[in-house]
Amino acid sequence: MKASFAFRIWVSLLGWGVALAMFFPVAWMVLTSFKTEIDAVATPPLLFFHPTLENYAQVNQLGDYAGAVWNSIAISFGSTALGIALAMPAAYAMAFFPNRWTKDLLLWILSTKMMPAVGVLMPIYLISKSTGLLDTKTGLIAIMTLANLPIIVWMLYTFFKEIPGDIIEASRMDGAGALAQIRIVLLPLAGPGIASTGLLAVILSWNEAFWSLNLTAVHAAPLTAFIVAFSSPQGLFWAKLSAASTLAVAPILVFGWMTQRQLVRGLTFGAVK
């Protein structure tokens, strides 16, 4: 009994330690955003200082924060909706109508995520430029959709496999077609899994920086590009950069906090039989 109690204490302390280690960079970023530039680079670092909102005022004056937020929202949710619409039929077919090549196909889909994005930057850039999609939200939505599609397909496939095939067979015998089976049977039964997949895709798209920095300039620049605008040839202004970073991550942190229950519920969907 004593050993078990001590083990739980150590596991709890370990969990708190990991959580604090992961939260510390975010807390330090927020703290630095309220410092002056001199206090931000002081050695040793200052824990006690006179807070100021000057950095936030200057960030809003020097950059189009509202426009960047709108671009991030449109790109993240647009690419997620398109990705789920494309992935659901593929996951449905592989989950309920598997063949000898299904596992190979799934592995090939996943392997595309292992390729460095910089390896296809030039062709993607040239295609975007020639089609008029460079520095547009439509172009970034297409790129984010393709980037997250393997993960979306794999997650939906995993969730669909947890649904008994007899239910799909029964709906087919009642005359339901493929689209009707997805709409009437899969959406209600795999709702938590689909929701968690969508939430994860939104977070991945929101945090994507590589394609945002290389395929946008002004018109479609999301918050990841908004942050970079505060690093200049004169040097890094840490306080202003921290303020811009705080403004960029605040919406997705609030969104993640509000949807954490749905995310955890979806990720554990089918874990208990």
C-alpha atoms as a PDB file:
ATOM      1  CA  MET A   1       0.000   0.000   0.000  1.00  0.00           C
ATOM      2  CA  LYS A   2       2.787   2.434   0.940  1.00  0.00           C
ATOM      3  CA  ALA A   3       4.722   1.561  -2.207  1.00  0.00           C
ATOM      4  CA  SER A   4       1.624   2.134  -4.336  1.00  0.00           C
ATOM      5  CA  PHE A   5       0.957   5.501  -2.657  1.00  0.00           C
ATOM      6  CA  ALA A   6       4.585   6.583  -3.146  1.00  0.00           C
ATOM      7  CA  PHE A   7       4.443   5.512  -6.811  1.00  0.00           C
ATOM      8  CA  ARG A   8       1.336   7.640  -7.398  1.00  0.00           C
ATOM      9  CA  ILE A   9       3.049  10.614  -5.759  1.00  0.00           C
ATOM     10  CA  TRP A  10       6.125  10.277  -7.960  1.00  0.00           C
ATOM     11  CA  VAL A  11       4.015   9.849 -11.098  1.00  0.00           C
ATOM     12  CA  SER A  12       2.007  12.934 -10.155  1.00  0.00           C
ATOM     13  CA  LEU A  13       5.170  14.966  -9.549  1.00  0.00           C
ATOM     14  CA  LEU A  14       6.602  13.763 -12.851  1.00  0.00           C
ATOM     15  CA  GLY A  15       3.425  14.784 -14.660  1.00  0.00           C
ATOM     16  CA  TRP A  16       3.488  18.247 -13.088  1.00  0.00           C
ATOM     17  CA  GLY A  17       7.167  18.587 -13.952  1.00  0.00           C
ATOM     18  CA  VAL A  18       6.580  17.748 -17.607  1.00  0.00           C
ATOM     19  CA  ALA A  19       3.581  20.077 -17.766  1.00  0.00           C
ATOM     20  CA  LEU A  20       5.536  22.968 -16.246  1.00  0.00           C
ATOM     21  CA  ALA A  21       8.474  22.351 -18.585  1.00  0.00           C
ATOM     22  CA  MET A  22       6.148  22.499 -21.590  1.00  0.00           C
ATOM     23  CA  PHE A  23       4.295  25.561 -20.303  1.00  0.00           C
ATOM     24  CA  PHE A  24       7.396  27.544 -19.313  1.00  0.00           C
ATOM     25  CA  PRO A  25       8.317  28.814 -22.827  1.00  0.00           C
ATOM     26  CA  VAL A  26       4.770  30.082 -23.348  1.00  0.00           C
ATOM     27  CA  ALA A  27       4.720  31.765 -19.931  1.00  0.00           C
ATOM     28  CA  TRP A  28       8.123  33.357 -20.552  1.00  0.00           C
ATOM     29  CA  MET A  29       6.988  34.639 -23.952  1.00  0.00           C
ATOM     30  CA  VAL A  30       3.915  36.271 -22.418  1.00  0.00           C
ATOM     31  CA  LEU A  31       6.040  37.721 -19.603  1.00  0.00           C
ATOM     32  CA  THR A  32       8.577  39.166 -22.055  1.00  0.00           C
ATOM     33  CA  SER A  33       5.823  40.805 -24.084  1.00  0.00           C
ATOM     34  CA  PHE A  34       5.116  43.140 -21.148  1.00  0.00           C
ATOM     35  CA  LYS A  35       8.759  44.208 -20.788  1.00  0.00           C
ATOM     36  CA  THR A  36      10.625  47.043 -22.413  1.00  0.00           C
ATOM     37  CA  GLU A  37      13.284  46.109 -24.972  1.00  0.00           C
ATOM     38  CA  ILE A  38      16.007  46.841 -22.405  1.00  0.00           C
ATOM     39  CA  ASP A  39      14.361  44.650 -19.759  1.00  0.00           C
ATOM     40  CA  ALA A  40      13.785  41.879 -22.317  1.00  0.00           C
ATOM     41  CA  VAL A  41      17.523  41.433 -22.948  1.00  0.00           C
ATOM     42  CA  ALA A  42      18.701  42.100 -19.409  1.00  0.00           C
ATOM     43  CA  THR A  43      21.208  39.669 -17.880  1.00  0.00           C
ATOM     44  CA  PRO A  44      20.311  37.953 -15.632  1.00  0.00           C
ATOM     45  CA  PRO A  45      16.655  37.794 -16.784  1.00  0.00           C
ATOM     46  CA  LEU A  46      14.279  40.015 -14.843  1.00  0.00           C
ATOM     47  CA  LEU A  47      11.368  38.414 -13.054  1.00  0.00           C
ATOM     48  CA  PHE A  48      10.223  41.675 -11.451  1.00  0.00           C
ATOM     49  CA  PHE A  49       9.781  44.746 -13.670  1.00  0.00           C
ATOM     50  CA  HIS A  50       7.352  47.522 -14.516  1.00  0.00           C
ATOM     51  CA  PRO A  51       4.930  46.033 -17.082  1.00  0.00           C
ATOM     52  CA  THR A  52       3.987  48.004 -20.166  1.00  0.00           C
ATOM     53  CA  LEU A  53       1.497  47.640 -23.016  1.00  0.00           C
ATOM     54  CA  GLU A  54       3.649  49.653 -25.403  1.00  0.00           C
ATOM     55  CA  ASN A  55       4.743  46.555 -27.329  1.00  0.00           C
ATOM     56  CA  TYR A  56       1.159  45.535 -28.082  1.00  0.00           C
ATOM     57  CA  ALA A  57       0.308  49.059 -29.214  1.00  0.00           C
ATOM     58  CA  GLN A  58       3.296  49.154 -31.564  1.00  0.00           C
ATOM     59  CA  VAL A  59       2.587  45.684 -32.919  1.00  0.00           C
ATOM     60  CA  ASN A  60      -0.939  46.724 -33.851  1.00  0.00           C
ATOM     61  CA  GLN A  61       0.349  49.927 -35.427  1.00  0.00           C
ATOM     62  CA  LEU A  62       3.124  48.290 -37.445  1.00  0.00           C
ATOM     63  CA  GLY A  63       1.200  45.193 -38.601  1.00  0.00           C
ATOM     64  CA  ASP A  64      -2.282  44.245 -39.766  1.00  0.00           C
ATOM     65  CA  TYR A  65      -3.177  41.915 -36.916  1.00  0.00           C
ATOM     66  CA  ALA A  66      -6.901  41.740 -37.714  1.00  0.00           C
ATOM     67  CA  GLY A  67      -6.174  40.837 -41.332  1.00  0.00           C
ATOM     68  CA  ALA A  68      -3.686  38.152 -40.299  1.00  0.00           C
ATOM     69  CA  VAL A  69      -6.216  36.639 -37.881  1.00  0.00           C
ATOM     70  CA  TRP A  70      -8.854  36.505 -40.598  1.00  0.00           C
ATOM     71  CA  ASN A  71      -6.397  34.892 -43.017  1.00  0.00           C
ATOM     72  CA  SER A  72      -5.436  32.273 -40.416  1.00  0.00           C
ATOM     73  CA  ILE A  73      -9.089  31.487 -39.675  1.00  0.00           C
ATOM     74  CA  ALA A  74     -10.027  31.212 -43.359  1.00  0.00           C
ATOM     75  CA  ILE A  75      -7.008  29.065 -44.243  1.00  0.00           C
ATOM     76  CA  SER A  76      -7.203  26.768 -41.197  1.00  0.00           C
ATOM     77  CA  PHE A  77     -10.926  26.080 -41.266  1.00  0.00           C
ATOM     78  CA  GLY A  78     -11.134  26.083 -45.061  1.00  0.00           C
ATOM     79  CA  SER A  79      -8.346  23.531 -45.457  1.00  0.00           C
ATOM     80  CA  THR A  80      -9.796  21.404 -42.646  1.00  0.00           C
ATOM     81  CA  ALA A  81     -13.274  21.314 -44.192  1.00  0.00           C
ATOM     82  CA  LEU A  82     -11.854  20.465 -47.621  1.00  0.00           C
ATOM     83  CA  GLY A  83      -9.505  17.837 -46.156  1.00  0.00           C
ATOM     84  CA  ILE A  84     -12.284  16.043 -44.277  1.00  0.00           C
ATOM     85  CA  ALA A  85     -14.547  16.155 -47.346  1.00  0.00           C
ATOM     86  CA  LEU A  86     -11.817  14.473 -49.414  1.00  0.00           C
ATOM     87  CA  ALA A  87     -10.620  12.051 -46.732  1.00  0.00           C
ATOM     88  CA  MET A  88     -13.970  10.655 -45.614  1.00  0.00           C
ATOM     89  CA  PRO A  89     -14.761   8.750 -48.846  1.00  0.00           C
ATOM     90  CA  ALA A  90     -11.188   7.416 -48.989  1.00  0.00           C
ATOM     91  CA  ALA A  91     -11.242   6.293 -45.350  1.00  0.00           C
ATOM     92  CA  TYR A  92     -14.729   4.807 -45.814  1.00  0.00           C
ATOM     93  CA  ALA A  93     -13.619   2.765 -48.827  1.00  0.00           C
ATOM     94  CA  MET A  94     -10.461   1.445 -47.156  1.00  0.00           C
ATOM     95  CA  ALA A  95     -12.162   0.710 -43.822  1.00  0.00           C
ATOM     96  CA  PHE A  96     -15.204  -1.197 -45.144  1.00  0.00           C
ATOM     97  CA  PHE A  97     -14.024  -2.421 -48.556  1.00  0.00           C
ATOM     98  CA  PRO A  98     -10.367  -3.392 -47.976  1.00  0.00           C
ATOM     99  CA  ASN A  99      -8.372  -5.298 -50.555  1.00  0.00           C
ATOM    100  CA  ARG A 100      -4.883  -6.750 -50.779  1.00  0.00           C
ATOM    101  CA  TRP A 101      -3.369  -3.307 -51.473  1.00  0.00           C
ATOM    102  CA  THR A 102      -5.136  -1.361 -48.714  1.00  0.00           C
ATOM    103  CA  LYS A 103      -2.314  -1.588 -46.156  1.00  0.00           C
ATOM    104  CA  ASP A 104       0.291  -0.706 -48.795  1.00  0.00           C
ATOM    105  CA  LEU A 105      -1.791   2.273 -49.852  1.00  0.00           C
ATOM    106  CA  LEU A 106      -2.106   3.468 -46.256  1.00  0.00           C
ATOM    107  CA  LEU A 107       1.644   3.190 -45.751  1.00  0.00           C
ATOM    108  CA  TRP A 108       2.288   5.089 -48.978  1.00  0.00           C
ATOM    109  CA  ILE A 109      -0.113   7.854 -47.900  1.00  0.00           C
ATOM    110  CA  LEU A 110       1.668   8.154 -44.562  1.00  0.00           C
ATOM    111  CA  SER A 111       5.098   8.093 -46.207  1.00  0.00           C
ATOM    112  CA  THR A 112       4.316  11.319 -48.045  1.00  0.00           C
ATOM    113  CA  LYS A 113       4.534  13.118 -44.676  1.00  0.00           C
ATOM    114  CA  MET A 114       8.148  11.996 -44.332  1.00  0.00           C
ATOM    115  CA  MET A 115       9.285  14.000 -47.358  1.00  0.00           C
ATOM    116  CA  PRO A 116      10.837  17.373 -46.438  1.00  0.00           C
ATOM    117  CA  ALA A 117       8.583  20.204 -47.573  1.00  0.00           C
ATOM    118  CA  VAL A 118      11.567  22.136 -48.915  1.00  0.00           C
ATOM    119  CA  GLY A 119      12.087  19.343 -51.441  1.00  0.00           C
ATOM    120  CA  VAL A 120       8.928  20.337 -53.325  1.00  0.00           C
ATOM    121  CA  LEU A 121       9.044  24.063 -52.639  1.00  0.00           C
ATOM    122  CA  MET A 122      10.245  25.061 -56.105  1.00  0.00           C
ATOM    123  CA  PRO A 123       7.623  23.153 -58.140  1.00  0.00           C
ATOM    124  CA  ILE A 124       4.847  24.212 -55.749  1.00  0.00           C
ATOM    125  CA  TYR A 125       6.001  27.841 -55.988  1.00  0.00           C
ATOM    126  CA  LEU A 126       6.127  27.753 -59.797  1.00  0.00           C
ATOM    127  CA  ILE A 127       2.714  26.062 -60.048  1.00  0.00           C
ATOM    128  CA  SER A 128       1.194  28.629 -57.657  1.00  0.00           C
ATOM    129  CA  LYS A 129       2.719  31.485 -59.628  1.00  0.00           C
ATOM    130  CA  SER A 130       1.599  30.180 -63.021  1.00  0.00           C
ATOM    131  CA  THR A 131      -1.969  29.541 -61.821  1.00  0.00           C
ATOM    132  CA  GLY A 132      -2.316  32.875 -60.048  1.00  0.00           C
ATOM    133  CA  LEU A 133      -2.597  31.256 -56.614  1.00  0.00           C
ATOM    134  CA  LEU A 134       0.565  32.797 -55.187  1.00  0.00           C
ATOM    135  CA  ASP A 135      -0.148  34.959 -52.128  1.00  0.00           C
ATOM    136  CA  THR A 136      -3.822  33.957 -52.085  1.00  0.00           C
ATOM    137  CA  LYS A 137      -5.905  32.249 -49.421  1.00  0.00           C
ATOM    138  CA  THR A 138      -7.152  29.766 -52.016  1.00  0.00           C
ATOM    139  CA  GLY A 139      -3.601  28.671 -52.783  1.00  0.00           C
ATOM    140  CA  LEU A 140      -2.713  28.220 -49.131  1.00  0.00           C
ATOM    141  CA  ILE A 141      -5.945  26.336 -48.451  1.00  0.00           C
ATOM    142  CA  ALA A 142      -5.029  23.891 -51.228  1.00  0.00           C
ATOM    143  CA  ILE A 143      -1.482  23.457 -49.893  1.00  0.00           C
ATOM    144  CA  MET A 144      -2.594  23.007 -46.264  1.00  0.00           C
ATOM    145  CA  THR A 145      -5.211  20.493 -47.372  1.00  0.00           C
ATOM    146  CA  LEU A 146      -2.631  18.396 -49.207  1.00  0.00           C
ATOM    147  CA  ALA A 147      -0.171  18.692 -46.306  1.00  0.00           C
ATOM    148  CA  ASN A 148      -2.675  17.461 -43.702  1.00  0.00           C
ATOM    149  CA  LEU A 149      -4.590  14.994 -45.882  1.00  0.00           C
ATOM    150  CA  PRO A 150      -2.450  11.928 -44.955  1.00  0.00           C
ATOM    151  CA  ILE A 151      -3.021  12.490 -41.238  1.00  0.00           C
ATOM    152  CA  ILE A 152      -6.744  13.119 -41.748  1.00  0.00           C
ATOM    153  CA  VAL A 153      -7.138   9.946 -43.834  1.00  0.00           C
ATOM    154  CA  TRP A 154      -5.279   7.837 -41.273  1.00  0.00           C
ATOM    155  CA  MET A 155      -7.258   9.164 -38.320  1.00  0.00           C
ATOM    156  CA  LEU A 156     -10.631   8.762 -40.029  1.00  0.00           C
ATOM    157  CA  TYR A 157      -9.656   5.276 -41.200  1.00  0.00           C
ATOM    158  CA  THR A 158      -8.807   4.324 -37.593  1.00  0.00           C
ATOM    159  CA  PHE A 159     -12.109   5.663 -36.289  1.00  0.00           C
ATOM    160  CA  PHE A 160     -14.152   4.010 -39.054  1.00  0.00           C
ATOM    161  CA  LYS A 161     -12.501   0.646 -38.355  1.00  0.00           C
ATOM    162  CA  GLU A 162     -13.972   0.764 -34.834  1.00  0.00           C
ATOM    163  CA  ILE A 163     -17.496   0.729 -36.286  1.00  0.00           C
ATOM    164  CA  PRO A 164     -18.906  -2.791 -36.821  1.00  0.00           C
ATOM    165  CA  GLY A 165     -19.176  -3.621 -40.487  1.00  0.00           C
ATOM    166  CA  ASP A 166     -22.564  -5.250 -39.873  1.00  0.00           C
ATOM    167  CA  ILE A 167     -24.091  -1.814 -39.372  1.00  0.00           C
ATOM    168  CA  ILE A 168     -22.842  -0.667 -42.759  1.00  0.00           C
ATOM    169  CA  GLU A 169     -24.034  -3.924 -44.330  1.00  0.00           C
ATOM    170  CA  ALA A 170     -27.489  -3.489 -42.784  1.00  0.00           C
ATOM    171  CA  SER A 171     -27.792   0.055 -44.125  1.00  0.00           C
ATOM    172  CA  ARG A 172     -26.683  -1.160 -47.555  1.00  0.00           C
ATOM    173  CA  MET A 173     -29.371  -3.858 -47.513  1.00  0.00           C
ATOM    174  CA  ASP A 174     -31.921  -1.168 -46.671  1.00  0.00           C
ATOM    175  CA  GLY A 175     -30.983   0.609 -49.892  1.00  0.00           C
ATOM    176  CA  ALA A 176     -28.583   3.258 -48.573  1.00  0.00           C
ATOM    177  CA  GLY A 177     -25.879   4.267 -51.025  1.00  0.00           C
ATOM    178  CA  ALA A 178     -22.324   5.199 -50.132  1.00  0.00           C
ATOM    179  CA  LEU A 179     -23.099   8.870 -49.476  1.00  0.00           C
ATOM    180  CA  ALA A 180     -26.172   7.964 -47.442  1.00  0.00           C
ATOM    181  CA  GLN A 181     -24.121   5.507 -45.368  1.00  0.00           C
ATOM    182  CA  ILE A 182     -21.574   8.220 -44.605  1.00  0.00           C
ATOM    183  CA  ARG A 183     -24.235  10.787 -43.761  1.00  0.00           C
ATOM    184  CA  ILE A 184     -26.696   8.616 -41.828  1.00  0.00           C
ATOM    185  CA  VAL A 185     -24.445   5.983 -40.231  1.00  0.00           C
ATOM    186  CA  LEU A 186     -20.831   7.141 -40.046  1.00  0.00           C
ATOM    187  CA  LEU A 187     -21.345  10.795 -39.104  1.00  0.00           C
ATOM    188  CA  PRO A 188     -23.405  10.025 -35.949  1.00  0.00           C
ATOM    189  CA  LEU A 189     -21.359   6.988 -34.866  1.00  0.00           C
ATOM    190  CA  ALA A 190     -17.897   8.431 -35.576  1.00  0.00           C
ATOM    191  CA  GLY A 191     -18.812  12.012 -34.700  1.00  0.00           C
ATOM    192  CA  PRO A 192     -16.293  12.359 -31.833  1.00  0.00           C
ATOM    193  CA  GLY A 193     -13.497  10.959 -33.986  1.00  0.00           C
ATOM    194  CA  ILE A 194     -14.333  13.235 -36.911  1.00  0.00           C
ATOM    195  CA  ALA A 195     -14.491  16.224 -34.560  1.00  0.00           C
ATOM    196  CA  SER A 196     -11.091  15.466 -33.032  1.00  0.00           C
ATOM    197  CA  THR A 197      -9.623  14.993 -36.513  1.00  0.00           C
ATOM    198  CA  GLY A 198     -10.969  18.376 -37.541  1.00  0.00           C
ATOM    199  CA  LEU A 199      -9.642  20.061 -34.411  1.00  0.00           C
ATOM    200  CA  LEU A 200      -6.180  18.597 -34.940  1.00  0.00           C
ATOM    201  CA  ALA A 201      -6.187  19.651 -38.597  1.00  0.00           C
ATOM    202  CA  VAL A 202      -7.147  23.205 -37.621  1.00  0.00           C
ATOM    203  CA  ILE A 203      -4.274  23.370 -35.119  1.00  0.00           C
ATOM    204  CA  LEU A 204      -1.771  21.985 -37.636  1.00  0.00           C
ATOM    205  CA  SER A 205      -2.859  24.468 -40.301  1.00  0.00           C
ATOM    206  CA  TRP A 206      -2.817  27.372 -37.856  1.00  0.00           C
ATOM    207  CA  ASN A 207       0.745  26.580 -36.755  1.00  0.00           C
ATOM    208  CA  GLU A 208       2.127  25.908 -40.251  1.00  0.00           C
ATOM    209  CA  ALA A 209       4.885  28.406 -41.002  1.00  0.00           C
ATOM    210  CA  PHE A 210       6.949  27.015 -43.881  1.00  0.00           C
ATOM    211  CA  TRP A 211       4.343  27.341 -46.622  1.00  0.00           C
ATOM    212  CA  SER A 212       2.957  30.564 -45.194  1.00  0.00           C
ATOM    213  CA  LEU A 213       6.345  32.267 -45.326  1.00  0.00           C
ATOM    214  CA  ASN A 214       7.254  31.011 -48.801  1.00  0.00           C
ATOM    215  CA  LEU A 215       3.929  31.351 -50.622  1.00  0.00           C
ATOM    216  CA  THR A 216       2.573  34.595 -49.177  1.00  0.00           C
ATOM    217  CA  ALA A 217       3.723  38.183 -48.961  1.00  0.00           C
ATOM    218  CA  VAL A 218       0.941  40.618 -48.102  1.00  0.00           C
ATOM    219  CA  HIS A 219      -2.580  39.667 -49.156  1.00  0.00           C
ATOM    220  CA  ALA A 220      -2.881  36.164 -47.664  1.00  0.00           C
ATOM    221  CA  ALA A 221      -0.261  36.352 -44.895  1.00  0.00           C
ATOM    222  CA  PRO A 222      -1.517  34.489 -41.783  1.00  0.00           C
ATOM    223  CA  LEU A 223      -0.346  34.962 -38.211  1.00  0.00           C
ATOM    224  CA  THR A 224       2.796  32.864 -38.707  1.00  0.00           C
ATOM    225  CA  ALA A 225       3.957  35.389 -41.312  1.00  0.00           C
ATOM    226  CA  PHE A 226       2.762  38.236 -39.075  1.00  0.00           C
ATOM    227  CA  ILE A 227       5.274  37.183 -36.407  1.00  0.00           C
ATOM    228  CA  VAL A 228       8.218  37.126 -38.799  1.00  0.00           C
ATOM    229  CA  ALA A 229       7.532  40.731 -39.784  1.00  0.00           C
ATOM    230  CA  PHE A 230       8.954  41.796 -36.421  1.00  0.00           C
ATOM    231  CA  SER A 231      12.421  40.404 -37.073  1.00  0.00           C
ATOM    232  CA  SER A 232      14.359  43.057 -38.987  1.00  0.00           C
ATOM    233  CA  PRO A 233      17.902  43.509 -40.367  1.00  0.00           C
ATOM    234  CA  GLN A 234      18.578  45.771 -37.390  1.00  0.00           C
ATOM    235  CA  GLY A 235      18.142  42.798 -35.067  1.00  0.00           C
ATOM    236  CA  LEU A 236      15.498  40.970 -33.082  1.00  0.00           C
ATOM    237  CA  PHE A 237      13.330  43.165 -30.892  1.00  0.00           C
ATOM    238  CA  TRP A 238      12.480  40.523 -28.327  1.00  0.00           C
ATOM    239  CA  ALA A 239       9.730  42.401 -26.515  1.00  0.00           C
ATOM    240  CA  LYS A 240       7.832  43.280 -29.706  1.00  0.00           C
ATOM    241  CA  LEU A 241       8.457  39.799 -31.124  1.00  0.00           C
ATOM    242  CA  SER A 242       7.067  38.272 -27.925  1.00  0.00           C
ATOM    243  CA  ALA A 243       4.019  40.520 -28.099  1.00  0.00           C
ATOM    244  CA  ALA A 244       3.405  39.535 -31.733  1.00  0.00           C
ATOM    245  CA  SER A 245       3.870  35.855 -30.861  1.00  0.00           C
ATOM    246  CA  THR A 246       1.470  36.133 -27.931  1.00  0.00           C
ATOM    247  CA  LEU A 247      -1.171  37.718 -30.151  1.00  0.00           C
ATOM    248  CA  ALA A 248      -0.611  34.974 -32.743  1.00  0.00           C
ATOM    249  CA  VAL A 249      -0.901  31.995 -30.393  1.00  0.00           C
ATOM    250  CA  ALA A 250      -3.639  33.409 -28.148  1.00  0.00           C
ATOM    251  CA  PRO A 251      -6.586  32.548 -30.459  1.00  0.00           C
ATOM    252  CA  ILE A 252      -5.510  28.940 -31.028  1.00  0.00           C
ATOM    253  CA  LEU A 253      -4.697  28.463 -27.318  1.00  0.00           C
ATOM    254  CA  VAL A 254      -8.186  29.664 -26.382  1.00  0.00           C
ATOM    255  CA  PHE A 255      -9.697  27.492 -29.115  1.00  0.00           C
ATOM    256  CA  GLY A 256      -7.761  24.451 -27.900  1.00  0.00           C
ATOM    257  CA  TRP A 257      -8.734  25.099 -24.291  1.00  0.00           C
ATOM    258  CA  MET A 258     -12.420  25.397 -25.228  1.00  0.00           C
ATOM    259  CA  THR A 259     -12.395  22.206 -27.307  1.00  0.00           C
ATOM    260  CA  GLN A 260     -10.064  20.057 -25.210  1.00  0.00           C
ATOM    261  CA  ARG A 261     -12.923  17.862 -24.006  1.00  0.00           C
ATOM    262  CA  GLN A 262     -14.019  17.076 -27.571  1.00  0.00           C
ATOM    263  CA  LEU A 263     -10.407  16.520 -28.645  1.00  0.00           C
ATOM    264  CA  VAL A 264      -9.656  14.042 -25.852  1.00  0.00           C
ATOM    265  CA  ARG A 265     -12.995  12.319 -26.325  1.00  0.00           C
ATOM    266  CA  GLY A 266     -12.329  11.869 -30.013  1.00  0.00           C
ATOM    267  CA  LEU A 267      -8.765  10.649 -29.599  1.00  0.00           C
ATOM    268  CA  THR A 268      -9.938   7.982 -27.119  1.00  0.00           C
ATOM    269  CA  PHE A 269     -12.867   7.016 -29.354  1.00  0.00           C
ATOM    270  CA  GLY A 270     -13.081   3.229 -29.499  1.00  0.00           C
ATOM    271  CA  ALA A 271     -10.354   2.697 -26.896  1.00  0.00           C
ATOM    272  CA  VAL A 272     -12.755   0.986 -24.463  1.00  0.00           C
ATOM    273  CA  LYS A 273     -14.694  -1.971 -25.755  1.00  0.00           C
END
